[in-house]
Amino acid sequence: MGHLQGKGFQVKTNDISYEQLNAIKEKYGVPRRLWSCHTGLVGKYVIEGHVPGEIILRFLKEKPDVSGLGVPGMPTGSPGMGGTPEPYDVFSFDGNGRLRVYSQVRP
């Protein structure tokens, strides 16, 4: 079972090209600074990169007035990544591309 399924999410994956994935990121306003290898849609929100499921669940309960959450790159030890966990930030972003630290992961 994958990380998100273990948190209760139903996950549907689509095998698409990088060009198609980048078009989705642009369509939903993901700031380029946050672009990563995964882009997901949960309700009205975009989830970009290796955002931990428990942070997504809290975010969905809070329903902030933003476009989504993102983690740039592939931090070691983040969901889906191996290795010794390292600290990283999870950013929220709005329709104007403004970023704000939403949560900090400090293993």
N, C-alpha and C. Protein backbone atom coordinates (compact mmCIF):
# COMPACT_ATOMS: atom_id res chain seq x y z
N MET A 1 0.85 -1.18 0.00
CA MET A 1 0.00 0.00 0.00
C MET A 1 0.89 1.24 0.00
N GLY A 2 0.52 2.21 -0.79
CA GLY A 2 1.28 3.45 -0.87
C GLY A 2 1.00 4.38 0.30
N HIS A 3 1.82 5.40 0.44
CA HIS A 3 1.71 6.36 1.55
C HIS A 3 0.32 7.00 1.60
N LEU A 4 -0.17 7.52 0.49
CA LEU A 4 -1.45 8.21 0.51
C LEU A 4 -2.62 7.25 0.73
N GLN A 5 -2.55 6.06 0.16
CA GLN A 5 -3.60 5.08 0.40
C GLN A 5 -3.64 4.72 1.88
N GLY A 6 -2.49 4.65 2.52
CA GLY A 6 -2.41 4.36 3.94
C GLY A 6 -3.03 5.45 4.81
N LYS A 7 -3.19 6.65 4.25
CA LYS A 7 -3.83 7.76 4.96
C LYS A 7 -5.31 7.89 4.60
N GLY A 8 -5.82 6.93 3.79
CA GLY A 8 -7.24 6.93 3.45
C GLY A 8 -7.59 7.54 2.12
N PHE A 9 -6.61 7.98 1.35
CA PHE A 9 -6.89 8.57 0.05
C PHE A 9 -7.09 7.49 -1.00
N GLN A 10 -8.01 7.72 -1.91
CA GLN A 10 -8.14 6.89 -3.10
C GLN A 10 -7.29 7.56 -4.17
N VAL A 11 -6.33 6.82 -4.70
CA VAL A 11 -5.38 7.40 -5.64
C VAL A 11 -5.60 6.82 -7.03
N LYS A 12 -5.73 7.71 -7.99
CA LYS A 12 -5.82 7.30 -9.39
C LYS A 12 -4.59 7.88 -10.08
N THR A 13 -3.82 7.04 -10.74
CA THR A 13 -2.63 7.52 -11.43
C THR A 13 -2.87 7.54 -12.93
N ASN A 14 -2.17 8.44 -13.59
CA ASN A 14 -2.24 8.56 -15.04
C ASN A 14 -0.82 8.58 -15.58
N ASP A 15 -0.54 7.73 -16.53
CA ASP A 15 0.77 7.68 -17.16
C ASP A 15 0.76 8.66 -18.33
N ILE A 16 1.39 9.83 -18.13
CA ILE A 16 1.40 10.87 -19.15
C ILE A 16 2.83 11.34 -19.39
N SER A 17 3.02 12.05 -20.46
CA SER A 17 4.35 12.57 -20.80
C SER A 17 4.69 13.77 -19.91
N TYR A 18 5.96 14.11 -19.85
CA TYR A 18 6.38 15.30 -19.11
C TYR A 18 5.74 16.56 -19.68
N GLU A 19 5.56 16.60 -20.99
CA GLU A 19 4.92 17.76 -21.60
C GLU A 19 3.48 17.90 -21.10
N GLN A 20 2.76 16.78 -21.03
CA GLN A 20 1.39 16.81 -20.52
C GLN A 20 1.36 17.18 -19.04
N LEU A 21 2.30 16.64 -18.27
CA LEU A 21 2.36 16.95 -16.84
C LEU A 21 2.65 18.43 -16.62
N ASN A 22 3.58 18.97 -17.38
CA ASN A 22 3.90 20.39 -17.26
C ASN A 22 2.72 21.27 -17.65
N ALA A 23 1.95 20.84 -18.63
CA ALA A 23 0.75 21.59 -19.03
C ALA A 23 -0.28 21.61 -17.89
N ILE A 24 -0.39 20.50 -17.16
CA ILE A 24 -1.30 20.45 -16.01
C ILE A 24 -0.82 21.40 -14.92
N LYS A 25 0.49 21.40 -14.65
CA LYS A 25 1.05 22.31 -13.64
C LYS A 25 0.75 23.76 -14.01
N GLU A 26 0.93 24.09 -15.28
CA GLU A 26 0.65 25.46 -15.73
C GLU A 26 -0.84 25.78 -15.65
N LYS A 27 -1.68 24.84 -16.05
CA LYS A 27 -3.13 25.05 -16.02
C LYS A 27 -3.62 25.37 -14.61
N TYR A 28 -3.06 24.68 -13.62
CA TYR A 28 -3.50 24.86 -12.24
C TYR A 28 -2.65 25.84 -11.44
N GLY A 29 -1.74 26.52 -12.11
CA GLY A 29 -0.99 27.60 -11.48
C GLY A 29 0.06 27.20 -10.48
N VAL A 30 0.65 26.02 -10.66
CA VAL A 30 1.72 25.61 -9.75
C VAL A 30 2.96 26.46 -10.06
N PRO A 31 3.46 27.21 -9.08
CA PRO A 31 4.66 28.02 -9.33
C PRO A 31 5.84 27.13 -9.73
N ARG A 32 6.59 27.56 -10.73
CA ARG A 32 7.72 26.76 -11.23
C ARG A 32 8.70 26.37 -10.13
N ARG A 33 8.85 27.22 -9.14
CA ARG A 33 9.78 26.92 -8.05
C ARG A 33 9.38 25.64 -7.30
N LEU A 34 8.11 25.26 -7.37
CA LEU A 34 7.63 24.07 -6.67
C LEU A 34 7.55 22.83 -7.55
N TRP A 35 7.75 22.98 -8.85
CA TRP A 35 7.57 21.83 -9.75
C TRP A 35 8.39 20.65 -9.27
N SER A 36 7.73 19.49 -9.29
CA SER A 36 8.35 18.25 -8.87
C SER A 36 7.89 17.15 -9.81
N CYS A 37 8.04 15.93 -9.38
CA CYS A 37 7.73 14.80 -10.26
C CYS A 37 6.29 14.33 -10.18
N HIS A 38 5.52 14.82 -9.19
CA HIS A 38 4.14 14.39 -9.01
C HIS A 38 3.23 15.61 -8.90
N THR A 39 2.09 15.54 -9.54
CA THR A 39 1.07 16.58 -9.41
C THR A 39 -0.26 15.87 -9.19
N GLY A 40 -0.97 16.27 -8.14
CA GLY A 40 -2.25 15.65 -7.83
C GLY A 40 -3.33 16.69 -7.65
N LEU A 41 -4.55 16.27 -7.85
CA LEU A 41 -5.71 17.13 -7.63
C LEU A 41 -6.57 16.48 -6.56
N VAL A 42 -6.89 17.26 -5.52
CA VAL A 42 -7.73 16.79 -4.43
C VAL A 42 -8.80 17.85 -4.23
N GLY A 43 -10.01 17.55 -4.67
CA GLY A 43 -11.07 18.55 -4.61
C GLY A 43 -10.67 19.74 -5.46
N LYS A 44 -10.70 20.94 -4.88
CA LYS A 44 -10.34 22.15 -5.62
C LYS A 44 -8.86 22.49 -5.52
N TYR A 45 -8.08 21.65 -4.84
CA TYR A 45 -6.68 21.94 -4.57
C TYR A 45 -5.71 21.12 -5.43
N VAL A 46 -4.53 21.68 -5.62
CA VAL A 46 -3.43 21.01 -6.30
C VAL A 46 -2.40 20.61 -5.24
N ILE A 47 -1.90 19.39 -5.34
CA ILE A 47 -0.84 18.93 -4.45
C ILE A 47 0.35 18.59 -5.33
N GLU A 48 1.45 19.28 -5.09
CA GLU A 48 2.64 19.14 -5.94
C GLU A 48 3.79 18.54 -5.15
N GLY A 49 4.32 17.43 -5.63
CA GLY A 49 5.50 16.84 -5.01
C GLY A 49 5.19 15.95 -3.83
N HIS A 50 6.19 15.77 -2.99
CA HIS A 50 6.16 14.80 -1.89
C HIS A 50 5.60 15.40 -0.61
N VAL A 51 4.31 15.77 -0.64
CA VAL A 51 3.65 16.34 0.53
C VAL A 51 3.14 15.17 1.39
N PRO A 52 3.51 15.13 2.67
CA PRO A 52 3.03 14.04 3.53
C PRO A 52 1.51 14.03 3.65
N GLY A 53 0.94 12.82 3.68
CA GLY A 53 -0.50 12.66 3.75
C GLY A 53 -1.14 13.34 4.95
N GLU A 54 -0.48 13.30 6.11
CA GLU A 54 -1.07 13.93 7.29
C GLU A 54 -1.17 15.45 7.13
N ILE A 55 -0.25 16.04 6.37
CA ILE A 55 -0.32 17.48 6.11
C ILE A 55 -1.45 17.78 5.13
N ILE A 56 -1.65 16.91 4.13
CA ILE A 56 -2.76 17.08 3.19
C ILE A 56 -4.09 16.99 3.95
N LEU A 57 -4.21 16.03 4.85
CA LEU A 57 -5.45 15.87 5.62
C LEU A 57 -5.75 17.11 6.45
N ARG A 58 -4.74 17.65 7.12
CA ARG A 58 -4.94 18.88 7.91
C ARG A 58 -5.35 20.03 7.01
N PHE A 59 -4.67 20.15 5.88
CA PHE A 59 -4.95 21.20 4.90
C PHE A 59 -6.41 21.12 4.43
N LEU A 60 -6.88 19.92 4.13
CA LEU A 60 -8.25 19.75 3.65
C LEU A 60 -9.28 20.09 4.73
N LYS A 61 -8.94 19.87 5.99
CA LYS A 61 -9.84 20.25 7.08
C LYS A 61 -9.88 21.77 7.25
N GLU A 62 -8.72 22.41 7.10
CA GLU A 62 -8.63 23.86 7.29
C GLU A 62 -9.22 24.64 6.12
N LYS A 63 -9.17 24.08 4.93
CA LYS A 63 -9.69 24.71 3.71
C LYS A 63 -9.22 26.16 3.52
N PRO A 64 -7.91 26.37 3.49
CA PRO A 64 -7.42 27.75 3.32
C PRO A 64 -7.74 28.27 1.92
N ASP A 65 -7.74 29.57 1.80
CA ASP A 65 -8.04 30.23 0.53
C ASP A 65 -6.76 30.34 -0.30
N VAL A 66 -6.28 29.20 -0.75
CA VAL A 66 -5.09 29.11 -1.60
C VAL A 66 -5.37 28.09 -2.69
N SER A 67 -4.43 27.95 -3.61
CA SER A 67 -4.60 27.00 -4.71
C SER A 67 -4.14 25.59 -4.36
N GLY A 68 -3.14 25.49 -3.49
CA GLY A 68 -2.65 24.16 -3.16
C GLY A 68 -1.40 24.17 -2.32
N LEU A 69 -0.80 22.98 -2.24
CA LEU A 69 0.43 22.75 -1.48
C LEU A 69 1.49 22.18 -2.39
N GLY A 70 2.75 22.45 -2.05
CA GLY A 70 3.84 21.88 -2.83
C GLY A 70 5.11 21.73 -2.04
N VAL A 71 5.89 20.74 -2.45
CA VAL A 71 7.23 20.51 -1.92
C VAL A 71 8.16 20.47 -3.12
N PRO A 72 9.10 21.41 -3.21
CA PRO A 72 10.02 21.39 -4.34
C PRO A 72 11.02 20.23 -4.24
N GLY A 73 11.39 19.70 -5.37
CA GLY A 73 12.40 18.64 -5.39
C GLY A 73 11.90 17.34 -4.80
N MET A 74 12.83 16.54 -4.35
CA MET A 74 12.52 15.23 -3.78
C MET A 74 13.32 15.05 -2.50
N PRO A 75 12.87 15.66 -1.40
CA PRO A 75 13.63 15.57 -0.16
C PRO A 75 13.84 14.13 0.31
N THR A 76 15.04 13.83 0.73
CA THR A 76 15.36 12.50 1.23
C THR A 76 14.48 12.19 2.43
N GLY A 77 13.87 11.00 2.41
CA GLY A 77 13.03 10.56 3.51
C GLY A 77 11.59 11.04 3.44
N SER A 78 11.25 11.87 2.45
CA SER A 78 9.86 12.28 2.28
C SER A 78 9.06 11.10 1.75
N PRO A 79 7.71 11.15 1.80
CA PRO A 79 6.92 10.03 1.31
C PRO A 79 7.33 9.61 -0.11
N GLY A 80 7.61 8.33 -0.25
CA GLY A 80 8.02 7.80 -1.54
C GLY A 80 9.52 7.86 -1.80
N MET A 81 10.26 8.52 -0.94
CA MET A 81 11.71 8.63 -1.10
C MET A 81 12.37 7.86 0.04
N GLY A 82 13.45 7.20 -0.26
CA GLY A 82 14.17 6.46 0.76
C GLY A 82 15.22 7.32 1.44
N GLY A 83 15.99 6.69 2.28
CA GLY A 83 17.11 7.38 2.93
C GLY A 83 16.74 7.96 4.28
N THR A 84 17.74 8.54 4.89
CA THR A 84 17.56 9.17 6.19
C THR A 84 16.76 10.46 6.02
N PRO A 85 15.63 10.59 6.70
CA PRO A 85 14.79 11.78 6.53
C PRO A 85 15.55 13.07 6.83
N GLU A 86 15.30 14.07 6.00
CA GLU A 86 15.88 15.40 6.19
C GLU A 86 14.74 16.40 6.38
N PRO A 87 15.02 17.51 7.06
CA PRO A 87 13.99 18.53 7.23
C PRO A 87 13.66 19.20 5.89
N TYR A 88 12.39 19.58 5.73
CA TYR A 88 11.99 20.34 4.56
C TYR A 88 10.70 21.09 4.85
N ASP A 89 10.40 22.05 3.98
CA ASP A 89 9.20 22.87 4.12
C ASP A 89 8.15 22.47 3.10
N VAL A 90 6.89 22.57 3.51
CA VAL A 90 5.75 22.40 2.63
C VAL A 90 5.15 23.79 2.44
N PHE A 91 5.02 24.21 1.19
CA PHE A 91 4.54 25.55 0.87
C PHE A 91 3.09 25.52 0.41
N SER A 92 2.35 26.55 0.77
CA SER A 92 1.06 26.79 0.13
C SER A 92 1.32 27.82 -0.97
N PHE A 93 0.45 27.83 -1.96
CA PHE A 93 0.59 28.82 -3.04
C PHE A 93 -0.80 29.26 -3.47
N ASP A 94 -0.85 30.51 -3.95
CA ASP A 94 -2.14 31.04 -4.40
C ASP A 94 -2.14 31.24 -5.90
N GLY A 95 -3.23 31.75 -6.42
CA GLY A 95 -3.39 31.96 -7.86
C GLY A 95 -2.44 32.98 -8.46
N ASN A 96 -1.79 33.78 -7.61
CA ASN A 96 -0.82 34.76 -8.09
C ASN A 96 0.61 34.25 -7.97
N GLY A 97 0.77 32.99 -7.58
CA GLY A 97 2.10 32.41 -7.47
C GLY A 97 2.82 32.72 -6.17
N ARG A 98 2.12 33.35 -5.22
CA ARG A 98 2.75 33.66 -3.93
C ARG A 98 2.90 32.39 -3.10
N LEU A 99 4.08 32.23 -2.53
CA LEU A 99 4.38 31.07 -1.69
C LEU A 99 4.43 31.48 -0.23
N ARG A 100 4.02 30.55 0.62
CA ARG A 100 4.10 30.77 2.05
C ARG A 100 4.37 29.40 2.69
N VAL A 101 5.24 29.36 3.68
CA VAL A 101 5.47 28.10 4.36
C VAL A 101 4.19 27.71 5.08
N TYR A 102 3.64 26.56 4.73
CA TYR A 102 2.42 26.07 5.36
C TYR A 102 2.76 25.17 6.55
N SER A 103 3.78 24.34 6.37
CA SER A 103 4.16 23.40 7.42
C SER A 103 5.64 23.08 7.26
N GLN A 104 6.26 22.70 8.36
CA GLN A 104 7.65 22.27 8.33
C GLN A 104 7.71 20.81 8.75
N VAL A 105 8.47 20.02 8.00
CA VAL A 105 8.68 18.63 8.34
C VAL A 105 10.05 18.57 8.99
N ARG A 106 10.07 18.15 10.25
CA ARG A 106 11.30 18.09 11.02
C ARG A 106 11.42 16.70 11.67
N PRO A 107 11.92 15.74 10.90
CA PRO A 107 12.01 14.36 11.43
C PRO A 107 12.97 14.26 12.60
